[in-house]
C-alpha atoms as a PDB file:
ATOM      1  CA  UNK A   1       0.000   0.000   0.000  1.00  0.00           C
ATOM      2  CA  UNK A   2       2.789   2.503  -0.790  1.00  0.00           C
ATOM      3  CA  UNK A   3       0.433   5.154  -2.207  1.00  0.00           C
ATOM      4  CA  UNK A   4      -1.687   5.098   0.945  1.00  0.00           C
ATOM      5  CA  UNK A   5       1.353   5.537   3.167  1.00  0.00           C
ATOM      6  CA  UNK A   6       2.702   8.485   1.174  1.00  0.00           C
ATOM      7  CA  UNK A   7      -0.656  10.205   1.259  1.00  0.00           C
ATOM      8  CA  UNK A   8      -1.040   9.537   4.991  1.00  0.00           C
ATOM      9  CA  UNK A   9       2.435  10.904   5.641  1.00  0.00           C
ATOM     10  CA  UNK A  10       1.669  14.068   3.713  1.00  0.00           C
ATOM     11  CA  UNK A  11      -1.564  14.519   5.652  1.00  0.00           C
ATOM     12  CA  UNK A  12       0.248  13.978   8.964  1.00  0.00           C
ATOM     13  CA  UNK A  13       2.967  16.494   8.055  1.00  0.00           C
ATOM     14  CA  UNK A  14       0.409  19.081   6.967  1.00  0.00           C
ATOM     15  CA  UNK A  15      -1.608  18.647  10.145  1.00  0.00           C
ATOM     16  CA  UNK A  16       1.506  18.790  12.323  1.00  0.00           C
ATOM     17  CA  UNK A  17       2.659  21.979  10.626  1.00  0.00           C
ATOM     18  CA  UNK A  18      -0.757  23.531  11.093  1.00  0.00           C
ATOM     19  CA  UNK A  19      -0.794  22.884  14.817  1.00  0.00           C
ATOM     20  CA  UNK A  20       2.775  24.077  15.266  1.00  0.00           C
ATOM     21  CA  UNK A  21       1.683  27.368  13.761  1.00  0.00           C
ATOM     22  CA  UNK A  22      -1.620  27.434  15.612  1.00  0.00           C
ATOM     23  CA  UNK A  23      -0.763  29.738  18.539  1.00  0.00           C
ATOM     24  CA  UNK A  24      -0.174  32.665  16.170  1.00  0.00           C
ATOM     25  CA  UNK A  25      -3.109  32.148  13.819  1.00  0.00           C
ATOM     26  CA  UNK A  26      -5.470  35.084  14.171  1.00  0.00           C
ATOM     27  CA  UNK A  27      -7.805  35.559  11.220  1.00  0.00           C
ATOM     28  CA  UNK A  28     -10.150  38.549  11.034  1.00  0.00           C
ATOM     29  CA  UNK A  29     -13.606  37.021  10.591  1.00  0.00           C
ATOM     30  CA  UNK A  30     -12.105  33.686   9.547  1.00  0.00           C
ATOM     31  CA  UNK A  31     -12.806  32.116   6.182  1.00  0.00           C
ATOM     32  CA  UNK A  32     -16.564  32.080   6.775  1.00  0.00           C
ATOM     33  CA  UNK A  33     -16.781  35.811   7.385  1.00  0.00           C
ATOM     34  CA  UNK A  34     -14.350  37.059   4.755  1.00  0.00           C
ATOM     35  CA  UNK A  35     -15.986  35.024   2.009  1.00  0.00           C
ATOM     36  CA  UNK A  36     -19.432  36.378   2.832  1.00  0.00           C
ATOM     37  CA  UNK A  37     -18.203  39.962   3.086  1.00  0.00           C
ATOM     38  CA  UNK A  38     -17.014  39.856  -0.521  1.00  0.00           C
ATOM     39  CA  UNK A  39     -20.063  37.988  -1.789  1.00  0.00           C
ATOM     40  CA  UNK A  40     -22.504  40.428  -0.201  1.00  0.00           C
ATOM     41  CA  UNK A  41     -20.468  43.366  -1.513  1.00  0.00           C
ATOM     42  CA  UNK A  42     -20.603  42.088  -5.101  1.00  0.00           C
ATOM     43  CA  UNK A  43     -24.381  41.686  -4.933  1.00  0.00           C
ATOM     44  CA  UNK A  44     -24.792  45.253  -3.629  1.00  0.00           C
ATOM     45  CA  UNK A  45     -23.087  46.837  -6.647  1.00  0.00           C
ATOM     46  CA  UNK A  46     -25.050  48.667  -9.371  1.00  0.00           C
ATOM     47  CA  UNK A  47     -25.664  46.556 -12.513  1.00  0.00           C
ATOM     48  CA  UNK A  48     -22.845  48.219 -14.476  1.00  0.00           C
ATOM     49  CA  UNK A  49     -20.354  46.862 -11.951  1.00  0.00           C
ATOM     50  CA  UNK A  50     -22.190  43.874 -10.522  1.00  0.00           C
ATOM     51  CA  UNK A  51     -22.385  41.949 -13.800  1.00  0.00           C
ATOM     52  CA  UNK A  52     -18.605  41.987 -14.229  1.00  0.00           C
ATOM     53  CA  UNK A  53     -17.781  41.055 -10.651  1.00  0.00           C
ATOM     54  CA  UNK A  54     -20.494  38.399 -10.482  1.00  0.00           C
ATOM     55  CA  UNK A  55     -19.056  36.755 -13.601  1.00  0.00           C
ATOM     56  CA  UNK A  56     -16.078  36.039 -11.330  1.00  0.00           C
ATOM     57  CA  UNK A  57     -17.917  35.516  -8.054  1.00  0.00           C
ATOM     58  CA  UNK A  58     -16.029  32.328  -7.191  1.00  0.00           C
ATOM     59  CA  UNK A  59     -12.714  34.149  -7.526  1.00  0.00           C
ATOM     60  CA  UNK A  60     -13.945  37.140  -5.510  1.00  0.00           C
ATOM     61  CA  UNK A  61     -15.096  34.840  -2.721  1.00  0.00           C
ATOM     62  CA  UNK A  62     -12.066  32.547  -2.586  1.00  0.00           C
ATOM     63  CA  UNK A  63      -9.492  35.301  -3.072  1.00  0.00           C
ATOM     64  CA  UNK A  64     -10.958  37.030  -0.020  1.00  0.00           C
ATOM     65  CA  UNK A  65      -8.918  34.756   2.253  1.00  0.00           C
ATOM     66  CA  UNK A  66      -5.678  34.757   0.232  1.00  0.00           C
ATOM     67  CA  UNK A  67      -4.135  37.660   2.188  1.00  0.00           C
ATOM     68  CA  UNK A  68      -4.262  35.402   5.258  1.00  0.00           C
ATOM     69  CA  UNK A  69      -2.713  32.573   3.253  1.00  0.00           C
ATOM     70  CA  UNK A  70       0.150  34.841   2.223  1.00  0.00           C
ATOM     71  CA  UNK A  71       0.656  35.740   5.866  1.00  0.00           C
ATOM     72  CA  UNK A  72       0.576  32.232   7.329  1.00  0.00           C
ATOM     73  CA  UNK A  73       0.992  29.626   4.602  1.00  0.00           C
ATOM     74  CA  UNK A  74       3.704  31.496   2.679  1.00  0.00           C
ATOM     75  CA  UNK A  75       5.156  33.256   5.755  1.00  0.00           C
ATOM     76  CA  UNK A  76       5.252  36.537   3.825  1.00  0.00           C
ATOM     77  CA  UNK A  77       6.771  38.935   6.349  1.00  0.00           C
ATOM     78  CA  UNK A  78       5.455  41.987   4.502  1.00  0.00           C
ATOM     79  CA  UNK A  79       1.872  40.764   4.772  1.00  0.00           C
ATOM     80  CA  UNK A  80       1.256  40.674   8.522  1.00  0.00           C
ATOM     81  CA  UNK A  81       1.335  44.433   9.271  1.00  0.00           C
ATOM     82  CA  UNK A  82      -1.253  45.077   6.558  1.00  0.00           C
ATOM     83  CA  UNK A  83      -3.939  43.353   8.640  1.00  0.00           C
ATOM     84  CA  UNK A  84      -3.997  45.467  11.807  1.00  0.00           C
ATOM     85  CA  UNK A  85      -3.143  48.688  13.567  1.00  0.00           C
ATOM     86  CA  UNK A  86      -2.420  48.690  17.296  1.00  0.00           C
ATOM     87  CA  UNK A  87      -3.616  52.220  17.975  1.00  0.00           C
ATOM     88  CA  UNK A  88      -2.282  52.169  21.538  1.00  0.00           C
ATOM     89  CA  UNK A  89       1.244  51.876  20.121  1.00  0.00           C
ATOM     90  CA  UNK A  90       0.758  55.231  18.414  1.00  0.00           C
ATOM     91  CA  UNK A  91       0.436  57.009  21.752  1.00  0.00           C
ATOM     92  CA  UNK A  92      -3.303  56.760  22.398  1.00  0.00           C
ATOM     93  CA  UNK A  93      -3.630  60.183  20.794  1.00  0.00           C
ATOM     94  CA  UNK A  94      -6.758  61.201  18.901  1.00  0.00           C
ATOM     95  CA  UNK A  95      -6.942  59.566  15.502  1.00  0.00           C
ATOM     96  CA  UNK A  96      -7.027  63.013  13.921  1.00  0.00           C
ATOM     97  CA  UNK A  97      -3.486  63.562  15.223  1.00  0.00           C
ATOM     98  CA  UNK A  98      -2.067  60.490  13.497  1.00  0.00           C
ATOM     99  CA  UNK A  99      -0.567  60.709  10.004  1.00  0.00           C
ATOM    100  CA  UNK A 100      -3.661  60.480   7.839  1.00  0.00           C
ATOM    101  CA  UNK A 101      -2.138  59.424   4.524  1.00  0.00           C
ATOM    102  CA  UNK A 102       0.289  56.635   3.749  1.00  0.00           C
ATOM    103  CA  UNK A 103       2.831  59.186   2.495  1.00  0.00           C
ATOM    104  CA  UNK A 104       2.723  60.984   5.850  1.00  0.00           C
ATOM    105  CA  UNK A 105       2.939  57.738   7.818  1.00  0.00           C
ATOM    106  CA  UNK A 106       5.882  56.366   5.858  1.00  0.00           C
ATOM    107  CA  UNK A 107       7.693  59.682   6.276  1.00  0.00           C
ATOM    108  CA  UNK A 108       7.125  59.854  10.041  1.00  0.00           C
ATOM    109  CA  UNK A 109       7.645  56.260  11.197  1.00  0.00           C
ATOM    110  CA  UNK A 110      10.454  53.794  10.697  1.00  0.00           C
ATOM    111  CA  UNK A 111       9.518  50.630   8.755  1.00  0.00           C
ATOM    112  CA  UNK A 112      10.286  48.463  11.798  1.00  0.00           C
ATOM    113  CA  UNK A 113       7.794  50.409  13.918  1.00  0.00           C
ATOM    114  CA  UNK A 114       5.080  50.142  11.264  1.00  0.00           C
ATOM    115  CA  UNK A 115       5.731  46.420  10.935  1.00  0.00           C
ATOM    116  CA  UNK A 116       5.333  45.987  14.692  1.00  0.00           C
ATOM    117  CA  UNK A 117       2.350  48.289  15.202  1.00  0.00           C
ATOM    118  CA  UNK A 118       0.477  47.871  11.933  1.00  0.00           C
ATOM    119  CA  UNK A 119      -0.117  49.541   8.573  1.00  0.00           C
ATOM    120  CA  UNK A 120      -3.777  48.675   7.951  1.00  0.00           C
ATOM    121  CA  UNK A 121      -5.435  52.088   7.306  1.00  0.00           C
ATOM    122  CA  UNK A 122      -2.613  53.296   5.110  1.00  0.00           C
ATOM    123  CA  UNK A 123      -2.490  50.067   3.129  1.00  0.00           C
ATOM    124  CA  UNK A 124      -6.235  50.329   2.454  1.00  0.00           C
ATOM    125  CA  UNK A 125      -5.601  53.755   0.938  1.00  0.00           C
ATOM    126  CA  UNK A 126      -2.809  52.349  -1.222  1.00  0.00           C
ATOM    127  CA  UNK A 127      -5.013  49.485  -2.412  1.00  0.00           C
ATOM    128  CA  UNK A 128      -7.821  51.848  -3.379  1.00  0.00           C
ATOM    129  CA  UNK A 129      -5.355  53.761  -5.542  1.00  0.00           C
ATOM    130  CA  UNK A 130      -4.167  50.548  -7.179  1.00  0.00           C
ATOM    131  CA  UNK A 131      -7.740  49.454  -7.899  1.00  0.00           C
ATOM    132  CA  UNK A 132      -8.577  52.810  -9.466  1.00  0.00           C
ATOM    133  CA  UNK A 133      -5.530  52.565 -11.716  1.00  0.00           C
ATOM    134  CA  UNK A 134      -6.292  48.963 -12.678  1.00  0.00           C
ATOM    135  CA  UNK A 135      -9.793  50.012 -13.732  1.00  0.00           C
ATOM    136  CA  UNK A 136      -8.430  52.927 -15.755  1.00  0.00           C
ATOM    137  CA  UNK A 137      -6.064  50.540 -17.533  1.00  0.00           C
ATOM    138  CA  UNK A 138      -8.750  47.900 -18.098  1.00  0.00           C
ATOM    139  CA  UNK A 139      -6.559  45.177 -16.640  1.00  0.00           C
ATOM    140  CA  UNK A 140      -9.064  42.459 -15.782  1.00  0.00           C
ATOM    141  CA  UNK A 141      -6.864  40.254 -13.623  1.00  0.00           C
ATOM    142  CA  UNK A 142      -5.556  43.225 -11.647  1.00  0.00           C
ATOM    143  CA  UNK A 143      -9.055  44.562 -11.051  1.00  0.00           C
ATOM    144  CA  UNK A 144     -10.289  41.265  -9.654  1.00  0.00           C
ATOM    145  CA  UNK A 145      -7.190  40.566  -7.589  1.00  0.00           C
ATOM    146  CA  UNK A 146      -6.928  44.020  -6.003  1.00  0.00           C
ATOM    147  CA  UNK A 147     -10.685  44.372  -5.412  1.00  0.00           C
ATOM    148  CA  UNK A 148     -10.943  40.998  -3.676  1.00  0.00           C
ATOM    149  CA  UNK A 149      -7.913  41.706  -1.486  1.00  0.00           C
ATOM    150  CA  UNK A 150      -9.166  45.202  -0.661  1.00  0.00           C
ATOM    151  CA  UNK A 151     -12.366  43.562   0.576  1.00  0.00           C
ATOM    152  CA  UNK A 152     -10.249  41.472   2.945  1.00  0.00           C
ATOM    153  CA  UNK A 153      -8.429  44.451   4.443  1.00  0.00           C
ATOM    154  CA  UNK A 154     -11.688  46.351   4.896  1.00  0.00           C
ATOM    155  CA  UNK A 155     -12.966  43.294   6.741  1.00  0.00           C
ATOM    156  CA  UNK A 156      -9.927  43.479   8.996  1.00  0.00           C
ATOM    157  CA  UNK A 157     -10.562  47.181   9.610  1.00  0.00           C
ATOM    158  CA  UNK A 158     -14.070  46.459  10.887  1.00  0.00           C
ATOM    159  CA  UNK A 159     -12.966  43.698  13.273  1.00  0.00           C
ATOM    160  CA  UNK A 160     -12.496  45.668  16.527  1.00  0.00           C
ATOM    161  CA  UNK A 161      -9.674  43.507  17.864  1.00  0.00           C
ATOM    162  CA  UNK A 162      -7.592  44.288  14.763  1.00  0.00           C
ATOM    163  CA  UNK A 163      -7.285  47.880  15.995  1.00  0.00           C
ATOM    164  CA  UNK A 164      -5.980  47.139  19.489  1.00  0.00           C
ATOM    165  CA  UNK A 165      -2.746  45.885  21.021  1.00  0.00           C
ATOM    166  CA  UNK A 166      -4.964  43.730  23.262  1.00  0.00           C
ATOM    167  CA  UNK A 167      -5.937  41.846  20.116  1.00  0.00           C
ATOM    168  CA  UNK A 168      -6.427  38.462  21.782  1.00  0.00           C
ATOM    169  CA  UNK A 169      -7.369  39.601  25.278  1.00  0.00           C
ATOM    170  CA  UNK A 170      -3.869  38.619  26.365  1.00  0.00           C
ATOM    171  CA  UNK A 171      -3.518  41.790  28.453  1.00  0.00           C
ATOM    172  CA  UNK A 172      -6.766  41.307  30.377  1.00  0.00           C
ATOM    173  CA  UNK A 173      -6.908  37.566  31.073  1.00  0.00           C
ATOM    174  CA  UNK A 174      -9.135  36.874  28.062  1.00  0.00           C
ATOM    175  CA  UNK A 175      -6.759  34.983  25.798  1.00  0.00           C
ATOM    176  CA  UNK A 176      -8.602  33.291  22.969  1.00  0.00           C
ATOM    177  CA  UNK A 177     -11.310  35.925  22.594  1.00  0.00           C
ATOM    178  CA  UNK A 178     -10.092  36.806  19.091  1.00  0.00           C
ATOM    179  CA  UNK A 179     -11.022  33.478  17.527  1.00  0.00           C
ATOM    180  CA  UNK A 180     -14.054  33.162  19.800  1.00  0.00           C
ATOM    181  CA  UNK A 181     -15.510  36.470  18.603  1.00  0.00           C
ATOM    182  CA  UNK A 182     -14.672  36.385  14.906  1.00  0.00           C
ATOM    183  CA  UNK A 183     -14.970  32.678  14.126  1.00  0.00           C
ATOM    184  CA  UNK A 184     -16.798  30.552  16.696  1.00  0.00           C
ATOM    185  CA  UNK A 185     -19.547  33.148  17.142  1.00  0.00           C
ATOM    186  CA  UNK A 186     -19.839  33.858  13.423  1.00  0.00           C
ATOM    187  CA  UNK A 187     -19.903  30.194  12.414  1.00  0.00           C
ATOM    188  CA  UNK A 188     -22.576  29.448  15.026  1.00  0.00           C
ATOM    189  CA  UNK A 189     -24.924  32.361  14.345  1.00  0.00           C
ATOM    190  CA  UNK A 190     -24.021  33.381  10.799  1.00  0.00           C
ATOM    191  CA  UNK A 191     -27.029  31.671   9.244  1.00  0.00           C
ATOM    192  CA  UNK A 192     -29.242  34.210  11.032  1.00  0.00           C
ATOM    193  CA  UNK A 193     -27.394  37.305   9.782  1.00  0.00           C
ATOM    194  CA  UNK A 194     -28.895  39.810   7.366  1.00  0.00           C
ATOM    195  CA  UNK A 195     -26.530  40.634   4.484  1.00  0.00           C
ATOM    196  CA  UNK A 196     -28.797  42.989   2.572  1.00  0.00           C
ATOM    197  CA  UNK A 197     -26.857  46.213   2.007  1.00  0.00           C
ATOM    198  CA  UNK A 198     -27.597  49.720   0.818  1.00  0.00           C
ATOM    199  CA  UNK A 199     -26.628  50.858  -2.661  1.00  0.00           C
ATOM    200  CA  UNK A 200     -22.938  51.769  -2.626  1.00  0.00           C
ATOM    201  CA  UNK A 201     -22.037  55.431  -2.350  1.00  0.00           C
ATOM    202  CA  UNK A 202     -19.184  57.495  -3.713  1.00  0.00           C
ATOM    203  CA  UNK A 203     -16.622  58.137  -0.983  1.00  0.00           C
ATOM    204  CA  UNK A 204     -15.764  61.814  -1.299  1.00  0.00           C
ATOM    205  CA  UNK A 205     -12.774  61.606   1.068  1.00  0.00           C
ATOM    206  CA  UNK A 206     -11.309  58.060   1.152  1.00  0.00           C
ATOM    207  CA  UNK A 207      -8.655  59.028   3.706  1.00  0.00           C
ATOM    208  CA  UNK A 208     -11.242  60.330   6.169  1.00  0.00           C
ATOM    209  CA  UNK A 209     -13.550  57.379   5.484  1.00  0.00           C
ATOM    210  CA  UNK A 210     -10.794  54.858   6.177  1.00  0.00           C
ATOM    211  CA  UNK A 211     -10.053  56.466   9.522  1.00  0.00           C
ATOM    212  CA  UNK A 212     -13.772  56.674  10.322  1.00  0.00           C
ATOM    213  CA  UNK A 213     -13.988  52.891   9.910  1.00  0.00           C
ATOM    214  CA  UNK A 214     -10.923  52.383  12.110  1.00  0.00           C
ATOM    215  CA  UNK A 215     -12.267  54.737  14.805  1.00  0.00           C
ATOM    216  CA  UNK A 216     -15.688  53.086  14.872  1.00  0.00           C
ATOM    217  CA  UNK A 217     -14.106  49.673  15.074  1.00  0.00           C
ATOM    218  CA  UNK A 218     -11.683  50.664  17.822  1.00  0.00           C
ATOM    219  CA  UNK A 219     -14.508  52.134  19.892  1.00  0.00           C
ATOM    220  CA  UNK A 220     -16.140  48.697  19.842  1.00  0.00           C
ATOM    221  CA  UNK A 221     -13.012  46.862  21.027  1.00  0.00           C
ATOM    222  CA  UNK A 222     -13.260  47.998  24.656  1.00  0.00           C
ATOM    223  CA  UNK A 223     -16.985  47.258  24.612  1.00  0.00           C
ATOM    224  CA  UNK A 224     -16.677  43.648  23.513  1.00  0.00           C
ATOM    225  CA  UNK A 225     -13.731  43.027  25.845  1.00  0.00           C
ATOM    226  CA  UNK A 226     -15.646  44.483  28.807  1.00  0.00           C
ATOM    227  CA  UNK A 227     -18.758  42.453  28.009  1.00  0.00           C
ATOM    228  CA  UNK A 228     -16.796  39.208  27.792  1.00  0.00           C
ATOM    229  CA  UNK A 229     -14.846  40.027  30.964  1.00  0.00           C
ATOM    230  CA  UNK A 230     -18.108  40.513  32.878  1.00  0.00           C
ATOM    231  CA  UNK A 231     -19.541  37.296  31.452  1.00  0.00           C
ATOM    232  CA  UNK A 232     -16.343  35.476  32.381  1.00  0.00           C
ATOM    233  CA  UNK A 233     -16.664  36.644  36.000  1.00  0.00           C
ATOM    234  CA  UNK A 234     -20.273  35.469  36.165  1.00  0.00           C
ATOM    235  CA  UNK A 235     -19.600  32.020  34.682  1.00  0.00           C
ATOM    236  CA  UNK A 236     -18.054  29.069  36.557  1.00  0.00           C
ATOM    237  CA  UNK A 237     -14.766  28.114  34.912  1.00  0.00           C
ATOM    238  CA  UNK A 238     -16.057  24.604  34.224  1.00  0.00           C
ATOM    239  CA  UNK A 239     -18.994  26.006  32.257  1.00  0.00           C
ATOM    240  CA  UNK A 240     -16.972  28.230  29.934  1.00  0.00           C
ATOM    241  CA  UNK A 241     -15.507  25.561  27.667  1.00  0.00           C
ATOM    242  CA  UNK A 242     -16.508  22.404  25.849  1.00  0.00           C
ATOM    243  CA  UNK A 243     -14.751  19.324  27.229  1.00  0.00           C
ATOM    244  CA  UNK A 244     -14.117  15.850  25.891  1.00  0.00           C
ATOM    245  CA  UNK A 245     -14.800  12.503  27.558  1.00  0.00           C
ATOM    246  CA  UNK A 246     -11.579  12.831  29.566  1.00  0.00           C
ATOM    247  CA  UNK A 247     -12.546  16.266  30.837  1.00  0.00           C
ATOM    248  CA  UNK A 248      -9.999  18.076  28.669  1.00  0.00           C
ATOM    249  CA  UNK A 249     -10.948  21.364  27.015  1.00  0.00           C
ATOM    250  CA  UNK A 250     -11.692  20.829  23.333  1.00  0.00           C
ATOM    251  CA  UNK A 251      -9.557  22.650  20.765  1.00  0.00           C
ATOM    252  CA  UNK A 252     -10.455  23.911  17.322  1.00  0.00           C
ATOM    253  CA  UNK A 253      -8.362  23.228  14.213  1.00  0.00           C
ATOM    254  CA  UNK A 254      -5.986  26.062  15.159  1.00  0.00           C
ATOM    255  CA  UNK A 255      -5.626  24.914  18.773  1.00  0.00           C
ATOM    256  CA  UNK A 256      -7.917  27.560  20.278  1.00  0.00           C
ATOM    257  CA  UNK A 257     -10.142  26.613  23.208  1.00  0.00           C
ATOM    258  CA  UNK A 258     -13.756  25.939  22.232  1.00  0.00           C
ATOM    259  CA  UNK A 259     -16.275  27.870  24.324  1.00  0.00           C
ATOM    260  CA  UNK A 260     -19.391  26.043  25.477  1.00  0.00           C
ATOM    261  CA  UNK A 261     -22.655  26.462  23.598  1.00  0.00           C
ATOM    262  CA  UNK A 262     -24.262  28.174  26.597  1.00  0.00           C
ATOM    263  CA  UNK A 263     -21.359  30.613  27.012  1.00  0.00           C
ATOM    264  CA  UNK A 264     -21.367  31.405  23.292  1.00  0.00           C
ATOM    265  CA  UNK A 265     -25.111  32.040  23.374  1.00  0.00           C
ATOM    266  CA  UNK A 266     -24.746  34.353  26.375  1.00  0.00           C
ATOM    267  CA  UNK A 267     -21.951  36.340  24.706  1.00  0.00           C
ATOM    268  CA  UNK A 268     -23.967  36.636  21.509  1.00  0.00           C
ATOM    269  CA  UNK A 269     -26.962  38.039  23.388  1.00  0.00           C
ATOM    270  CA  UNK A 270     -24.817  40.413  25.445  1.00  0.00           C
ATOM    271  CA  UNK A 271     -23.181  41.823  22.298  1.00  0.00           C
ATOM    272  CA  UNK A 272     -26.608  42.536  20.785  1.00  0.00           C
ATOM    273  CA  UNK A 273     -25.480  41.330  17.339  1.00  0.00           C
ATOM    274  CA  UNK A 274     -22.284  43.421  17.263  1.00  0.00           C
ATOM    275  CA  UNK A 275     -20.478  40.868  15.098  1.00  0.00           C
ATOM    276  CA  UNK A 276     -23.327  40.878  12.561  1.00  0.00           C
ATOM    277  CA  UNK A 277     -23.268  44.679  12.365  1.00  0.00           C
ATOM    278  CA  UNK A 278     -19.502  44.729  11.916  1.00  0.00           C
ATOM    279  CA  UNK A 279     -19.645  42.119   9.143  1.00  0.00           C
ATOM    280  CA  UNK A 280     -22.332  44.107   7.372  1.00  0.00           C
ATOM    281  CA  UNK A 281     -20.259  47.284   7.801  1.00  0.00           C
ATOM    282  CA  UNK A 282     -17.331  45.482   6.173  1.00  0.00           C
ATOM    283  CA  UNK A 283     -19.399  44.336   3.201  1.00  0.00           C
ATOM    284  CA  UNK A 284     -20.888  47.807   2.740  1.00  0.00           C
ATOM    285  CA  UNK A 285     -17.408  49.324   2.898  1.00  0.00           C
ATOM    286  CA  UNK A 286     -16.111  46.918   0.249  1.00  0.00           C
ATOM    287  CA  UNK A 287     -18.975  47.829  -2.091  1.00  0.00           C
ATOM    288  CA  UNK A 288     -18.405  51.544  -1.428  1.00  0.00           C
ATOM    289  CA  UNK A 289     -14.654  51.384  -2.076  1.00  0.00           C
ATOM    290  CA  UNK A 290     -15.012  49.320  -5.269  1.00  0.00           C
ATOM    291  CA  UNK A 291     -17.688  51.696  -6.529  1.00  0.00           C
ATOM    292  CA  UNK A 292     -15.534  54.731  -5.670  1.00  0.00           C
ATOM    293  CA  UNK A 293     -12.575  53.285  -7.570  1.00  0.00           C
ATOM    294  CA  UNK A 294     -14.806  52.740 -10.604  1.00  0.00           C
ATOM    295  CA  UNK A 295     -16.230  56.285 -10.498  1.00  0.00           C
ATOM    296  CA  UNK A 296     -12.768  57.815 -10.060  1.00  0.00           C
ATOM    297  CA  UNK A 297     -11.493  55.692 -12.947  1.00  0.00           C
ATOM    298  CA  UNK A 298     -14.065  57.302 -15.244  1.00  0.00           C
ATOM    299  CA  UNK A 299     -16.732  54.569 -15.056  1.00  0.00           C
ATOM    300  CA  UNK A 300     -15.099  52.250 -17.605  1.00  0.00           C
ATOM    301  CA  UNK A 301     -17.260  49.616 -19.306  1.00  0.00           C
ATOM    302  CA  UNK A 302     -15.964  46.493 -17.565  1.00  0.00           C
ATOM    303  CA  UNK A 303     -18.394  44.261 -19.465  1.00  0.00           C
ATOM    304  CA  UNK A 304     -15.992  44.460 -22.408  1.00  0.00           C
ATOM    305  CA  UNK A 305     -13.479  42.459 -20.387  1.00  0.00           C
ATOM    306  CA  UNK A 306     -15.675  39.330 -20.548  1.00  0.00           C
ATOM    307  CA  UNK A 307     -17.244  37.435 -23.419  1.00  0.00           C
ATOM    308  CA  UNK A 308     -21.009  37.496 -23.941  1.00  0.00           C
ATOM    309  CA  UNK A 309     -21.004  33.770 -23.224  1.00  0.00           C
ATOM    310  CA  UNK A 310     -19.443  34.311 -19.786  1.00  0.00           C
ATOM    311  CA  UNK A 311     -22.028  36.927 -18.888  1.00  0.00           C
ATOM    312  CA  UNK A 312     -24.993  34.922 -20.181  1.00  0.00           C
ATOM    313  CA  UNK A 313     -23.818  31.841 -18.292  1.00  0.00           C
ATOM    314  CA  UNK A 314     -23.889  33.622 -14.943  1.00  0.00           C
ATOM    315  CA  UNK A 315     -27.185  35.490 -15.270  1.00  0.00           C
ATOM    316  CA  UNK A 316     -29.562  32.807 -13.996  1.00  0.00           C
ATOM    317  CA  UNK A 317     -27.498  32.269 -10.850  1.00  0.00           C
ATOM    318  CA  UNK A 318     -27.252  36.025 -10.317  1.00  0.00           C
ATOM    319  CA  UNK A 319     -31.029  36.414 -10.532  1.00  0.00           C
ATOM    320  CA  UNK A 320     -31.502  33.638  -7.987  1.00  0.00           C
ATOM    321  CA  UNK A 321     -29.006  35.212  -5.578  1.00  0.00           C
ATOM    322  CA  UNK A 322     -30.644  38.629  -5.882  1.00  0.00           C
ATOM    323  CA  UNK A 323     -34.045  37.065  -5.205  1.00  0.00           C
ATOM    324  CA  UNK A 324     -32.702  35.365  -2.090  1.00  0.00           C
ATOM    325  CA  UNK A 325     -30.948  38.529  -0.948  1.00  0.00           C
ATOM    326  CA  UNK A 326     -34.296  40.309  -0.675  1.00  0.00           C
ATOM    327  CA  UNK A 327     -34.744  38.242   2.486  1.00  0.00           C
ATOM    328  CA  UNK A 328     -31.286  39.264   3.693  1.00  0.00           C
ATOM    329  CA  UNK A 329     -29.761  35.854   2.969  1.00  0.00           C
ATOM    330  CA  UNK A 330     -26.835  34.784   0.835  1.00  0.00           C
ATOM    331  CA  UNK A 331     -26.836  31.585  -1.166  1.00  0.00           C
ATOM    332  CA  UNK A 332     -25.556  28.661   0.893  1.00  0.00           C
ATOM    333  CA  UNK A 333     -22.000  27.660   0.047  1.00  0.00           C
ATOM    334  CA  UNK A 334     -19.281  25.701   1.769  1.00  0.00           C
ATOM    335  CA  UNK A 335     -16.520  27.433   3.739  1.00  0.00           C
ATOM    336  CA  UNK A 336     -13.643  26.061   5.791  1.00  0.00           C
ATOM    337  CA  UNK A 337     -14.807  25.773   9.398  1.00  0.00           C
ATOM    338  CA  UNK A 338     -12.429  26.674  12.212  1.00  0.00           C
ATOM    339  CA  UNK A 339     -14.791  25.440  14.952  1.00  0.00           C
END
């Protein structure tokens, strides 16, 4: 059975590598959330844009998690700082006092400091510029690639813990809250979320809008940490986590502790759907930024980048998704589950 043994060995090595990396794996919204952010954003676009992006909906959905793959699977050292900003590291000063543009930030701070404390808002600005240019140039692959990745970073910007140095509750005795909030909660309650968005709007001042998203998100970080801290104090330690037959705390695929169903339900109720609102904010932001890039590029006819056959082939599925979205729901599709 040599083929079986080789395959088993590969699977064992892959699993071992995954768990060795597990303590550092922090995904904003996880695969489940990021994929639905981009899908909802595509469906919210006006027809002139939506048809093109929906022709490539599978790419837009799957590419939404590639920035995390570059960070962890490829160990791309440049990638990590693009996913967060630890605002406390910048002196806890008002956001209006921070360098607003990427040019100002790169002039003021050393690269090592930015790599340690995060580049997220400035990288979003850079990506919007790249998307605008790709649309002006009519470069199909660039448009899709940059738009999908921009959706990921906007998702990161709306995850409150991606704006704080206490990103995993490690400073307040709440280690593990990152994955609990963005993945376990979302995977458990996501089927109830409403993903119907408003029509996208032109962002008149992308720099100010990016910082508005960061500020709103950061304001929610203390709230969710305080709510979970209170719930933790009110819950017996034995009731916080799922345990196996031997009484050991269960772990998810990335070695994070699995909270009990009752504890998860209590946190969900106490947050009053915060995670749903933040996911919807992310999807709306993605639609707004893509739309803004298109307007600023001169509203190019992106339909010319696809064949008539490609567009015709996707129309029936698009109509079905739009019908379903009237109820606030996205079409059911499979995503990698962390919990």
